[in-house]
Amino acid sequence: NPLDEEYTAASADHVVRSENISEILEFV
């Protein structure tokens, strides 16, 4: 749930937007 697209989201390998943090497990 990055606060900005141009820096935070763009700097990450993956972006997850969800109310449930377990959705990061798909990438892990």
mmCIF file of all heavy atoms, coordinates in Angstrom:
data_MODEL
# 
_entry.id   MODEL 
# 
loop_
_atom_site.group_PDB 
_atom_site.id 
_atom_site.type_symbol 
_atom_site.label_atom_id 
_atom_site.label_alt_id 
_atom_site.label_comp_id 
_atom_site.label_asym_id 
_atom_site.label_entity_id 
_atom_site.label_seq_id 
_atom_site.pdbx_PDB_ins_code 
_atom_site.Cartn_x 
_atom_site.Cartn_y 
_atom_site.Cartn_z 
_atom_site.occupancy 
_atom_site.B_iso_or_equiv 
_atom_site.pdbx_formal_charge 
_atom_site.auth_seq_id 
_atom_site.auth_comp_id 
_atom_site.auth_asym_id 
_atom_site.auth_atom_id 
_atom_site.pdbx_PDB_model_num 
ATOM 1   N N   . ASN A 1 1  ? 0.835   -1.211  0.000  1.00 0.00 ? 1  ASN A N   1 
ATOM 2   C CA  . ASN A 1 1  ? 0.000   0.000   0.000  1.00 0.00 ? 1  ASN A CA  1 
ATOM 3   C C   . ASN A 1 1  ? 0.867   1.259   0.000  1.00 0.00 ? 1  ASN A C   1 
ATOM 4   O O   . ASN A 1 1  ? 0.771   2.104   0.906  1.00 0.00 ? 1  ASN A O   1 
ATOM 5   C CB  . ASN A 1 1  ? -0.943  0.007   1.204  1.00 0.00 ? 1  ASN A CB  1 
ATOM 6   C CG  . ASN A 1 1  ? -1.963  -1.123  1.152  1.00 0.00 ? 1  ASN A CG  1 
ATOM 7   O OD1 . ASN A 1 1  ? -2.367  -1.548  0.078  1.00 0.00 ? 1  ASN A OD1 1 
ATOM 8   N ND2 . ASN A 1 1  ? -2.361  -1.611  2.316  1.00 0.00 ? 1  ASN A ND2 1 
ATOM 9   N N   . PRO A 1 2  ? 1.730   1.401   -1.004 1.00 0.00 ? 2  PRO A N   1 
ATOM 10  C CA  . PRO A 1 2  ? 2.657   2.542   -1.013 1.00 0.00 ? 2  PRO A CA  1 
ATOM 11  C C   . PRO A 1 2  ? 1.933   3.883   -1.047 1.00 0.00 ? 2  PRO A C   1 
ATOM 12  O O   . PRO A 1 2  ? 0.890   4.025   -1.701 1.00 0.00 ? 2  PRO A O   1 
ATOM 13  C CB  . PRO A 1 2  ? 3.461   2.310   -2.303 1.00 0.00 ? 2  PRO A CB  1 
ATOM 14  C CG  . PRO A 1 2  ? 2.577   1.453   -3.154 1.00 0.00 ? 2  PRO A CG  1 
ATOM 15  C CD  . PRO A 1 2  ? 1.853   0.556   -2.202 1.00 0.00 ? 2  PRO A CD  1 
ATOM 16  N N   . LEU A 1 3  ? 2.521   4.856   -0.339 1.00 0.00 ? 3  LEU A N   1 
ATOM 17  C CA  . LEU A 1 3  ? 1.926   6.187   -0.261 1.00 0.00 ? 3  LEU A CA  1 
ATOM 18  C C   . LEU A 1 3  ? 2.132   6.984   -1.536 1.00 0.00 ? 3  LEU A C   1 
ATOM 19  O O   . LEU A 1 3  ? 1.426   7.955   -1.782 1.00 0.00 ? 3  LEU A O   1 
ATOM 20  C CB  . LEU A 1 3  ? 2.524   6.953   0.926  1.00 0.00 ? 3  LEU A CB  1 
ATOM 21  C CG  . LEU A 1 3  ? 2.160   6.429   2.317  1.00 0.00 ? 3  LEU A CG  1 
ATOM 22  C CD1 . LEU A 1 3  ? 2.878   7.243   3.387  1.00 0.00 ? 3  LEU A CD1 1 
ATOM 23  C CD2 . LEU A 1 3  ? 0.654   6.475   2.533  1.00 0.00 ? 3  LEU A CD2 1 
ATOM 24  N N   . ASP A 1 4  ? 3.124   6.607   -2.334 1.00 0.00 ? 4  ASP A N   1 
ATOM 25  C CA  . ASP A 1 4  ? 3.355   7.310   -3.585 1.00 0.00 ? 4  ASP A CA  1 
ATOM 26  C C   . ASP A 1 4  ? 3.825   6.327   -4.656 1.00 0.00 ? 4  ASP A C   1 
ATOM 27  O O   . ASP A 1 4  ? 4.418   5.292   -4.351 1.00 0.00 ? 4  ASP A O   1 
ATOM 28  C CB  . ASP A 1 4  ? 4.383   8.434   -3.400 1.00 0.00 ? 4  ASP A CB  1 
ATOM 29  C CG  . ASP A 1 4  ? 5.762   7.883   -3.083 1.00 0.00 ? 4  ASP A CG  1 
ATOM 30  O OD1 . ASP A 1 4  ? 6.045   7.575   -1.900 1.00 0.00 ? 4  ASP A OD1 1 
ATOM 31  O OD2 . ASP A 1 4  ? 6.562   7.739   -4.025 1.00 0.00 ? 4  ASP A OD2 1 
ATOM 32  N N   . GLU A 1 5  ? 3.527   6.672   -5.887 1.00 0.00 ? 5  GLU A N   1 
ATOM 33  C CA  . GLU A 1 5  ? 3.879   5.812   -7.014 1.00 0.00 ? 5  GLU A CA  1 
ATOM 34  C C   . GLU A 1 5  ? 5.285   6.083   -7.532 1.00 0.00 ? 5  GLU A C   1 
ATOM 35  O O   . GLU A 1 5  ? 6.052   5.170   -7.817 1.00 0.00 ? 5  GLU A O   1 
ATOM 36  C CB  . GLU A 1 5  ? 2.878   6.026   -8.164 1.00 0.00 ? 5  GLU A CB  1 
ATOM 37  C CG  . GLU A 1 5  ? 1.469   5.574   -7.851 1.00 0.00 ? 5  GLU A CG  1 
ATOM 38  C CD  . GLU A 1 5  ? 1.367   4.079   -7.685 1.00 0.00 ? 5  GLU A CD  1 
ATOM 39  O OE1 . GLU A 1 5  ? 2.087   3.351   -8.390 1.00 0.00 ? 5  GLU A OE1 1 
ATOM 40  O OE2 . GLU A 1 5  ? 0.566   3.631   -6.844 1.00 0.00 ? 5  GLU A OE2 1 
ATOM 41  N N   . GLU A 1 6  ? 5.611   7.373   -7.651 1.00 0.00 ? 6  GLU A N   1 
ATOM 42  C CA  . GLU A 1 6  ? 6.811   7.762   -8.380 1.00 0.00 ? 6  GLU A CA  1 
ATOM 43  C C   . GLU A 1 6  ? 8.105   7.422   -7.662 1.00 0.00 ? 6  GLU A C   1 
ATOM 44  O O   . GLU A 1 6  ? 9.149   7.297   -8.301 1.00 0.00 ? 6  GLU A O   1 
ATOM 45  C CB  . GLU A 1 6  ? 6.779   9.268   -8.704 1.00 0.00 ? 6  GLU A CB  1 
ATOM 46  C CG  . GLU A 1 6  ? 6.801   10.200  -7.496 1.00 0.00 ? 6  GLU A CG  1 
ATOM 47  C CD  . GLU A 1 6  ? 5.449   10.417  -6.859 1.00 0.00 ? 6  GLU A CD  1 
ATOM 48  O OE1 . GLU A 1 6  ? 4.477   9.772   -7.280 1.00 0.00 ? 6  GLU A OE1 1 
ATOM 49  O OE2 . GLU A 1 6  ? 5.373   11.229  -5.923 1.00 0.00 ? 6  GLU A OE2 1 
ATOM 50  N N   . TYR A 1 7  ? 8.057   7.219   -6.357 1.00 0.00 ? 7  TYR A N   1 
ATOM 51  C CA  . TYR A 1 7  ? 9.291   6.913   -5.629 1.00 0.00 ? 7  TYR A CA  1 
ATOM 52  C C   . TYR A 1 7  ? 9.197   5.575   -4.901 1.00 0.00 ? 7  TYR A C   1 
ATOM 53  O O   . TYR A 1 7  ? 9.936   4.643   -5.212 1.00 0.00 ? 7  TYR A O   1 
ATOM 54  C CB  . TYR A 1 7  ? 9.617   8.047   -4.653 1.00 0.00 ? 7  TYR A CB  1 
ATOM 55  C CG  . TYR A 1 7  ? 10.971  7.906   -4.000 1.00 0.00 ? 7  TYR A CG  1 
ATOM 56  C CD1 . TYR A 1 7  ? 12.127  7.775   -4.760 1.00 0.00 ? 7  TYR A CD1 1 
ATOM 57  C CD2 . TYR A 1 7  ? 11.098  7.901   -2.611 1.00 0.00 ? 7  TYR A CD2 1 
ATOM 58  C CE1 . TYR A 1 7  ? 13.380  7.637   -4.168 1.00 0.00 ? 7  TYR A CE1 1 
ATOM 59  C CE2 . TYR A 1 7  ? 12.342  7.767   -2.005 1.00 0.00 ? 7  TYR A CE2 1 
ATOM 60  C CZ  . TYR A 1 7  ? 13.476  7.636   -2.792 1.00 0.00 ? 7  TYR A CZ  1 
ATOM 61  O OH  . TYR A 1 7  ? 14.705  7.499   -2.183 1.00 0.00 ? 7  TYR A OH  1 
ATOM 62  N N   . THR A 1 8  ? 8.257   5.458   -3.963 1.00 0.00 ? 8  THR A N   1 
ATOM 63  C CA  . THR A 1 8  ? 8.186   4.233   -3.159 1.00 0.00 ? 8  THR A CA  1 
ATOM 64  C C   . THR A 1 8  ? 7.818   3.020   -4.007 1.00 0.00 ? 8  THR A C   1 
ATOM 65  O O   . THR A 1 8  ? 8.525   2.011   -4.007 1.00 0.00 ? 8  THR A O   1 
ATOM 66  C CB  . THR A 1 8  ? 7.175   4.401   -2.011 1.00 0.00 ? 8  THR A CB  1 
ATOM 67  O OG1 . THR A 1 8  ? 7.522   5.556   -1.237 1.00 0.00 ? 8  THR A OG1 1 
ATOM 68  C CG2 . THR A 1 8  ? 7.170   3.185   -1.109 1.00 0.00 ? 8  THR A CG2 1 
ATOM 69  N N   . ALA A 1 9  ? 6.708   3.106   -4.720 1.00 0.00 ? 9  ALA A N   1 
ATOM 70  C CA  . ALA A 1 9  ? 6.284   1.972   -5.540 1.00 0.00 ? 9  ALA A CA  1 
ATOM 71  C C   . ALA A 1 9  ? 7.315   1.659   -6.622 1.00 0.00 ? 9  ALA A C   1 
ATOM 72  O O   . ALA A 1 9  ? 7.641   0.495   -6.869 1.00 0.00 ? 9  ALA A O   1 
ATOM 73  C CB  . ALA A 1 9  ? 4.922   2.259   -6.167 1.00 0.00 ? 9  ALA A CB  1 
ATOM 74  N N   . ALA A 1 10 ? 7.855   2.702   -7.230 1.00 0.00 ? 10 ALA A N   1 
ATOM 75  C CA  . ALA A 1 10 ? 8.820   2.505   -8.316 1.00 0.00 ? 10 ALA A CA  1 
ATOM 76  C C   . ALA A 1 10 ? 10.128  1.898   -7.827 1.00 0.00 ? 10 ALA A C   1 
ATOM 77  O O   . ALA A 1 10 ? 10.857  1.274   -8.607 1.00 0.00 ? 10 ALA A O   1 
ATOM 78  C CB  . ALA A 1 10 ? 9.095   3.834   -9.016 1.00 0.00 ? 10 ALA A CB  1 
ATOM 79  N N   . SER A 1 11 ? 10.438  2.051   -6.532 1.00 0.00 ? 11 SER A N   1 
ATOM 80  C CA  . SER A 1 11 ? 11.702  1.551   -5.985 1.00 0.00 ? 11 SER A CA  1 
ATOM 81  C C   . SER A 1 11 ? 11.627  0.097   -5.536 1.00 0.00 ? 11 SER A C   1 
ATOM 82  O O   . SER A 1 11 ? 12.658  -0.507  -5.238 1.00 0.00 ? 11 SER A O   1 
ATOM 83  C CB  . SER A 1 11 ? 12.129  2.420   -4.795 1.00 0.00 ? 11 SER A CB  1 
ATOM 84  O OG  . SER A 1 11 ? 12.342  3.762   -5.191 1.00 0.00 ? 11 SER A OG  1 
ATOM 85  N N   . ALA A 1 12 ? 10.419  -0.448  -5.461 1.00 0.00 ? 12 ALA A N   1 
ATOM 86  C CA  . ALA A 1 12 ? 10.239  -1.817  -4.956 1.00 0.00 ? 12 ALA A CA  1 
ATOM 87  C C   . ALA A 1 12 ? 10.222  -2.833  -6.097 1.00 0.00 ? 12 ALA A C   1 
ATOM 88  O O   . ALA A 1 12 ? 9.849   -2.517  -7.223 1.00 0.00 ? 12 ALA A O   1 
ATOM 89  C CB  . ALA A 1 12 ? 8.952   -1.911  -4.158 1.00 0.00 ? 12 ALA A CB  1 
ATOM 90  N N   . ASP A 1 13 ? 10.600  -4.058  -5.775 1.00 0.00 ? 13 ASP A N   1 
ATOM 91  C CA  . ASP A 1 13 ? 10.523  -5.140  -6.762 1.00 0.00 ? 13 ASP A CA  1 
ATOM 92  C C   . ASP A 1 13 ? 9.072   -5.514  -7.052 1.00 0.00 ? 13 ASP A C   1 
ATOM 93  O O   . ASP A 1 13 ? 8.726   -5.889  -8.169 1.00 0.00 ? 13 ASP A O   1 
ATOM 94  C CB  . ASP A 1 13 ? 11.269  -6.384  -6.250 1.00 0.00 ? 13 ASP A CB  1 
ATOM 95  C CG  . ASP A 1 13 ? 12.751  -6.137  -6.082 1.00 0.00 ? 13 ASP A CG  1 
ATOM 96  O OD1 . ASP A 1 13 ? 13.349  -5.500  -6.966 1.00 0.00 ? 13 ASP A OD1 1 
ATOM 97  O OD2 . ASP A 1 13 ? 13.305  -6.578  -5.055 1.00 0.00 ? 13 ASP A OD2 1 
ATOM 98  N N   . HIS A 1 14 ? 8.240   -5.424  -6.007 1.00 0.00 ? 14 HIS A N   1 
ATOM 99  C CA  . HIS A 1 14 ? 6.832   -5.789  -6.140 1.00 0.00 ? 14 HIS A CA  1 
ATOM 100 C C   . HIS A 1 14 ? 5.978   -4.776  -5.392 1.00 0.00 ? 14 HIS A C   1 
ATOM 101 O O   . HIS A 1 14 ? 6.423   -4.173  -4.409 1.00 0.00 ? 14 HIS A O   1 
ATOM 102 C CB  . HIS A 1 14 ? 6.560   -7.187  -5.581 1.00 0.00 ? 14 HIS A CB  1 
ATOM 103 C CG  . HIS A 1 14 ? 7.444   -8.249  -6.157 1.00 0.00 ? 14 HIS A CG  1 
ATOM 104 N ND1 . HIS A 1 14 ? 7.299   -8.739  -7.434 1.00 0.00 ? 14 HIS A ND1 1 
ATOM 105 C CD2 . HIS A 1 14 ? 8.513   -8.904  -5.624 1.00 0.00 ? 14 HIS A CD2 1 
ATOM 106 C CE1 . HIS A 1 14 ? 8.219   -9.647  -7.670 1.00 0.00 ? 14 HIS A CE1 1 
ATOM 107 N NE2 . HIS A 1 14 ? 8.975   -9.767  -6.582 1.00 0.00 ? 14 HIS A NE2 1 
ATOM 108 N N   . VAL A 1 15 ? 4.743   -4.620  -5.839 1.00 0.00 ? 15 VAL A N   1 
ATOM 109 C CA  . VAL A 1 15 ? 3.787   -3.729  -5.185 1.00 0.00 ? 15 VAL A CA  1 
ATOM 110 C C   . VAL A 1 15 ? 2.538   -4.528  -4.849 1.00 0.00 ? 15 VAL A C   1 
ATOM 111 O O   . VAL A 1 15 ? 1.994   -5.237  -5.711 1.00 0.00 ? 15 VAL A O   1 
ATOM 112 C CB  . VAL A 1 15 ? 3.420   -2.526  -6.078 1.00 0.00 ? 15 VAL A CB  1 
ATOM 113 C CG1 . VAL A 1 15 ? 2.358   -1.657  -5.398 1.00 0.00 ? 15 VAL A CG1 1 
ATOM 114 C CG2 . VAL A 1 15 ? 4.656   -1.694  -6.397 1.00 0.00 ? 15 VAL A CG2 1 
ATOM 115 N N   . VAL A 1 16 ? 2.093   -4.434  -3.600 1.00 0.00 ? 16 VAL A N   1 
ATOM 116 C CA  . VAL A 1 16 ? 0.875   -5.116  -3.164 1.00 0.00 ? 16 VAL A CA  1 
ATOM 117 C C   . VAL A 1 16 ? -0.071  -4.070  -2.587 1.00 0.00 ? 16 VAL A C   1 
ATOM 118 O O   . VAL A 1 16 ? 0.306   -3.322  -1.673 1.00 0.00 ? 16 VAL A O   1 
ATOM 119 C CB  . VAL A 1 16 ? 1.171   -6.193  -2.095 1.00 0.00 ? 16 VAL A CB  1 
ATOM 120 C CG1 . VAL A 1 16 ? -0.134  -6.779  -1.558 1.00 0.00 ? 16 VAL A CG1 1 
ATOM 121 C CG2 . VAL A 1 16 ? 2.061   -7.287  -2.667 1.00 0.00 ? 16 VAL A CG2 1 
ATOM 122 N N   . ARG A 1 17 ? -1.278  -4.037  -3.101 1.00 0.00 ? 17 ARG A N   1 
ATOM 123 C CA  . ARG A 1 17 ? -2.303  -3.131  -2.572 1.00 0.00 ? 17 ARG A CA  1 
ATOM 124 C C   . ARG A 1 17 ? -3.434  -3.996  -2.035 1.00 0.00 ? 17 ARG A C   1 
ATOM 125 O O   . ARG A 1 17 ? -4.137  -4.652  -2.800 1.00 0.00 ? 17 ARG A O   1 
ATOM 126 C CB  . ARG A 1 17 ? -2.796  -2.167  -3.653 1.00 0.00 ? 17 ARG A CB  1 
ATOM 127 C CG  . ARG A 1 17 ? -1.719  -1.193  -4.113 1.00 0.00 ? 17 ARG A CG  1 
ATOM 128 C CD  . ARG A 1 17 ? -2.232  -0.239  -5.183 1.00 0.00 ? 17 ARG A CD  1 
ATOM 129 N NE  . ARG A 1 17 ? -1.191  0.701   -5.569 1.00 0.00 ? 17 ARG A NE  1 
ATOM 130 C CZ  . ARG A 1 17 ? -0.255  0.451   -6.488 1.00 0.00 ? 17 ARG A CZ  1 
ATOM 131 N NH1 . ARG A 1 17 ? -0.245  -0.724  -7.097 1.00 0.00 ? 17 ARG A NH1 1 
ATOM 132 N NH2 . ARG A 1 17 ? 0.666   1.351   -6.786 1.00 0.00 ? 17 ARG A NH2 1 
ATOM 133 N N   . SER A 1 18 ? -3.569  -4.011  -0.735 1.00 0.00 ? 18 SER A N   1 
ATOM 134 C CA  . SER A 1 18 ? -4.537  -4.913  -0.109 1.00 0.00 ? 18 SER A CA  1 
ATOM 135 C C   . SER A 1 18 ? -4.763  -4.500  1.333  1.00 0.00 ? 18 SER A C   1 
ATOM 136 O O   . SER A 1 18 ? -3.929  -3.816  1.928  1.00 0.00 ? 18 SER A O   1 
ATOM 137 C CB  . SER A 1 18 ? -4.014  -6.353  -0.160 1.00 0.00 ? 18 SER A CB  1 
ATOM 138 O OG  . SER A 1 18 ? -4.843  -7.235  0.570  1.00 0.00 ? 18 SER A OG  1 
ATOM 139 N N   . GLU A 1 19 ? -5.874  -4.939  1.892  1.00 0.00 ? 19 GLU A N   1 
ATOM 140 C CA  . GLU A 1 19 ? -6.116  -4.743  3.319  1.00 0.00 ? 19 GLU A CA  1 
ATOM 141 C C   . GLU A 1 19 ? -5.508  -5.885  4.126  1.00 0.00 ? 19 GLU A C   1 
ATOM 142 O O   . GLU A 1 19 ? -5.510  -5.849  5.354  1.00 0.00 ? 19 GLU A O   1 
ATOM 143 C CB  . GLU A 1 19 ? -7.624  -4.646  3.589  1.00 0.00 ? 19 GLU A CB  1 
ATOM 144 C CG  . GLU A 1 19 ? -8.275  -3.407  2.974  1.00 0.00 ? 19 GLU A CG  1 
ATOM 145 C CD  . GLU A 1 19 ? -9.746  -3.299  3.310  1.00 0.00 ? 19 GLU A CD  1 
ATOM 146 O OE1 . GLU A 1 19 ? -10.264 -4.211  3.990  1.00 0.00 ? 19 GLU A OE1 1 
ATOM 147 O OE2 . GLU A 1 19 ? -10.370 -2.306  2.900  1.00 0.00 ? 19 GLU A OE2 1 
ATOM 148 N N   . ASN A 1 20 ? -4.969  -6.891  3.432  1.00 0.00 ? 20 ASN A N   1 
ATOM 149 C CA  . ASN A 1 20 ? -4.421  -8.074  4.099  1.00 0.00 ? 20 ASN A CA  1 
ATOM 150 C C   . ASN A 1 20 ? -2.964  -8.270  3.682  1.00 0.00 ? 20 ASN A C   1 
ATOM 151 O O   . ASN A 1 20 ? -2.665  -8.526  2.518  1.00 0.00 ? 20 ASN A O   1 
ATOM 152 C CB  . ASN A 1 20 ? -5.246  -9.303  3.719  1.00 0.00 ? 20 ASN A CB  1 
ATOM 153 C CG  . ASN A 1 20 ? -4.959  -10.487 4.610  1.00 0.00 ? 20 ASN A CG  1 
ATOM 154 O OD1 . ASN A 1 20 ? -3.807  -10.833 4.847  1.00 0.00 ? 20 ASN A OD1 1 
ATOM 155 N ND2 . ASN A 1 20 ? -6.007  -11.128 5.117  1.00 0.00 ? 20 ASN A ND2 1 
ATOM 156 N N   . ILE A 1 21 ? -2.072  -8.151  4.657  1.00 0.00 ? 21 ILE A N   1 
ATOM 157 C CA  . ILE A 1 21 ? -0.642  -8.203  4.339  1.00 0.00 ? 21 ILE A CA  1 
ATOM 158 C C   . ILE A 1 21 ? -0.176  -9.595  3.926  1.00 0.00 ? 21 ILE A C   1 
ATOM 159 O O   . ILE A 1 21 ? 0.886   -9.746  3.323  1.00 0.00 ? 21 ILE A O   1 
ATOM 160 C CB  . ILE A 1 21 ? 0.193   -7.682  5.539  1.00 0.00 ? 21 ILE A CB  1 
ATOM 161 C CG1 . ILE A 1 21 ? 1.609   -7.336  5.064  1.00 0.00 ? 21 ILE A CG1 1 
ATOM 162 C CG2 . ILE A 1 21 ? 0.185   -8.695  6.685  1.00 0.00 ? 21 ILE A CG2 1 
ATOM 163 C CD1 . ILE A 1 21 ? 2.400   -6.532  6.059  1.00 0.00 ? 21 ILE A CD1 1 
ATOM 164 N N   . SER A 1 22 ? -0.997  -10.615 4.170  1.00 0.00 ? 22 SER A N   1 
ATOM 165 C CA  . SER A 1 22 ? -0.589  -11.965 3.761  1.00 0.00 ? 22 SER A CA  1 
ATOM 166 C C   . SER A 1 22 ? -0.469  -12.090 2.244  1.00 0.00 ? 22 SER A C   1 
ATOM 167 O O   . SER A 1 22 ? 0.133   -13.049 1.747  1.00 0.00 ? 22 SER A O   1 
ATOM 168 C CB  . SER A 1 22 ? -1.576  -13.011 4.290  1.00 0.00 ? 22 SER A CB  1 
ATOM 169 O OG  . SER A 1 22 ? -2.835  -12.900 3.651  1.00 0.00 ? 22 SER A OG  1 
ATOM 170 N N   . GLU A 1 23 ? -0.995  -11.116 1.514  1.00 0.00 ? 23 GLU A N   1 
ATOM 171 C CA  . GLU A 1 23 ? -0.884  -11.180 0.052  1.00 0.00 ? 23 GLU A CA  1 
ATOM 172 C C   . GLU A 1 23 ? 0.552   -10.987 -0.437 1.00 0.00 ? 23 GLU A C   1 
ATOM 173 O O   . GLU A 1 23 ? 0.856   -11.268 -1.591 1.00 0.00 ? 23 GLU A O   1 
ATOM 174 C CB  . GLU A 1 23 ? -1.843  -10.179 -0.597 1.00 0.00 ? 23 GLU A CB  1 
ATOM 175 C CG  . GLU A 1 23 ? -3.295  -10.572 -0.387 1.00 0.00 ? 23 GLU A CG  1 
ATOM 176 C CD  . GLU A 1 23 ? -4.256  -9.853  -1.310 1.00 0.00 ? 23 GLU A CD  1 
ATOM 177 O OE1 . GLU A 1 23 ? -3.813  -9.352  -2.359 1.00 0.00 ? 23 GLU A OE1 1 
ATOM 178 O OE2 . GLU A 1 23 ? -5.449  -9.803  -0.971 1.00 0.00 ? 23 GLU A OE2 1 
ATOM 179 N N   . ILE A 1 24 ? 1.446   -10.538 0.446  1.00 0.00 ? 24 ILE A N   1 
ATOM 180 C CA  . ILE A 1 24 ? 2.860   -10.457 0.047  1.00 0.00 ? 24 ILE A CA  1 
ATOM 181 C C   . ILE A 1 24 ? 3.456   -11.854 -0.110 1.00 0.00 ? 24 ILE A C   1 
ATOM 182 O O   . ILE A 1 24 ? 4.460   -12.028 -0.809 1.00 0.00 ? 24 ILE A O   1 
ATOM 183 C CB  . ILE A 1 24 ? 3.711   -9.656  1.060  1.00 0.00 ? 24 ILE A CB  1 
ATOM 184 C CG1 . ILE A 1 24 ? 3.882   -10.428 2.372  1.00 0.00 ? 24 ILE A CG1 1 
ATOM 185 C CG2 . ILE A 1 24 ? 3.140   -8.257  1.284  1.00 0.00 ? 24 ILE A CG2 1 
ATOM 186 C CD1 . ILE A 1 24 ? 4.932   -9.850  3.308  1.00 0.00 ? 24 ILE A CD1 1 
ATOM 187 N N   . LEU A 1 25 ? 2.834   -12.844 0.525  1.00 0.00 ? 25 LEU A N   1 
ATOM 188 C CA  . LEU A 1 25 ? 3.385   -14.194 0.506  1.00 0.00 ? 25 LEU A CA  1 
ATOM 189 C C   . LEU A 1 25 ? 3.417   -14.775 -0.897 1.00 0.00 ? 25 LEU A C   1 
ATOM 190 O O   . LEU A 1 25 ? 4.261   -15.621 -1.209 1.00 0.00 ? 25 LEU A O   1 
ATOM 191 C CB  . LEU A 1 25 ? 2.579   -15.104 1.438  1.00 0.00 ? 25 LEU A CB  1 
ATOM 192 C CG  . LEU A 1 25 ? 2.610   -14.737 2.922  1.00 0.00 ? 25 LEU A CG  1 
ATOM 193 C CD1 . LEU A 1 25 ? 1.652   -15.618 3.705  1.00 0.00 ? 25 LEU A CD1 1 
ATOM 194 C CD2 . LEU A 1 25 ? 4.025   -14.832 3.485  1.00 0.00 ? 25 LEU A CD2 1 
ATOM 195 N N   . GLU A 1 26 ? 2.510   -14.330 -1.741 1.00 0.00 ? 26 GLU A N   1 
ATOM 196 C CA  . GLU A 1 26 ? 2.496   -14.808 -3.121 1.00 0.00 ? 26 GLU A CA  1 
ATOM 197 C C   . GLU A 1 26 ? 3.836   -14.543 -3.797 1.00 0.00 ? 26 GLU A C   1 
ATOM 198 O O   . GLU A 1 26 ? 4.357   -15.400 -4.519 1.00 0.00 ? 26 GLU A O   1 
ATOM 199 C CB  . GLU A 1 26 ? 1.382   -14.107 -3.893 1.00 0.00 ? 26 GLU A CB  1 
ATOM 200 C CG  . GLU A 1 26 ? 1.337   -14.438 -5.372 1.00 0.00 ? 26 GLU A CG  1 
ATOM 201 C CD  . GLU A 1 26 ? 0.277   -13.658 -6.114 1.00 0.00 ? 26 GLU A CD  1 
ATOM 202 O OE1 . GLU A 1 26 ? -0.550  -13.004 -5.458 1.00 0.00 ? 26 GLU A OE1 1 
ATOM 203 O OE2 . GLU A 1 26 ? 0.279   -13.711 -7.358 1.00 0.00 ? 26 GLU A OE2 1 
ATOM 204 N N   . PHE A 1 27 ? 4.397   -13.369 -3.556 1.00 0.00 ? 27 PHE A N   1 
ATOM 205 C CA  . PHE A 1 27 ? 5.688   -13.032 -4.165 1.00 0.00 ? 27 PHE A CA  1 
ATOM 206 C C   . PHE A 1 27 ? 6.845   -13.711 -3.448 1.00 0.00 ? 27 PHE A C   1 
ATOM 207 O O   . PHE A 1 27 ? 7.785   -14.167 -4.072 1.00 0.00 ? 27 PHE A O   1 
ATOM 208 C CB  . PHE A 1 27 ? 5.891   -11.516 -4.168 1.00 0.00 ? 27 PHE A CB  1 
ATOM 209 C CG  . PHE A 1 27 ? 4.905   -10.790 -5.023 1.00 0.00 ? 27 PHE A CG  1 
ATOM 210 C CD1 . PHE A 1 27 ? 3.891   -10.049 -4.470 1.00 0.00 ? 27 PHE A CD1 1 
ATOM 211 C CD2 . PHE A 1 27 ? 4.979   -10.883 -6.410 1.00 0.00 ? 27 PHE A CD2 1 
ATOM 212 C CE1 . PHE A 1 27 ? 2.966   -9.390  -5.264 1.00 0.00 ? 27 PHE A CE1 1 
ATOM 213 C CE2 . PHE A 1 27 ? 4.064   -10.222 -7.224 1.00 0.00 ? 27 PHE A CE2 1 
ATOM 214 C CZ  . PHE A 1 27 ? 3.046   -9.477  -6.647 1.00 0.00 ? 27 PHE A CZ  1 
ATOM 215 N N   . VAL A 1 28 ? 6.755   -13.796 -2.138 1.00 0.00 ? 28 VAL A N   1 
ATOM 216 C CA  . VAL A 1 28 ? 7.834   -14.425 -1.364 1.00 0.00 ? 28 VAL A CA  1 
ATOM 217 C C   . VAL A 1 28 ? 8.015   -15.878 -1.782 1.00 0.00 ? 28 VAL A C   1 
ATOM 218 O O   . VAL A 1 28 ? 9.123   -16.316 -2.087 1.00 0.00 ? 28 VAL A O   1 
ATOM 219 C CB  . VAL A 1 28 ? 7.543   -14.355 0.146  1.00 0.00 ? 28 VAL A CB  1 
ATOM 220 C CG1 . VAL A 1 28 ? 8.598   -15.150 0.938  1.00 0.00 ? 28 VAL A CG1 1 
ATOM 221 C CG2 . VAL A 1 28 ? 7.498   -12.902 0.628  1.00 0.00 ? 28 VAL A CG2 1 
# 
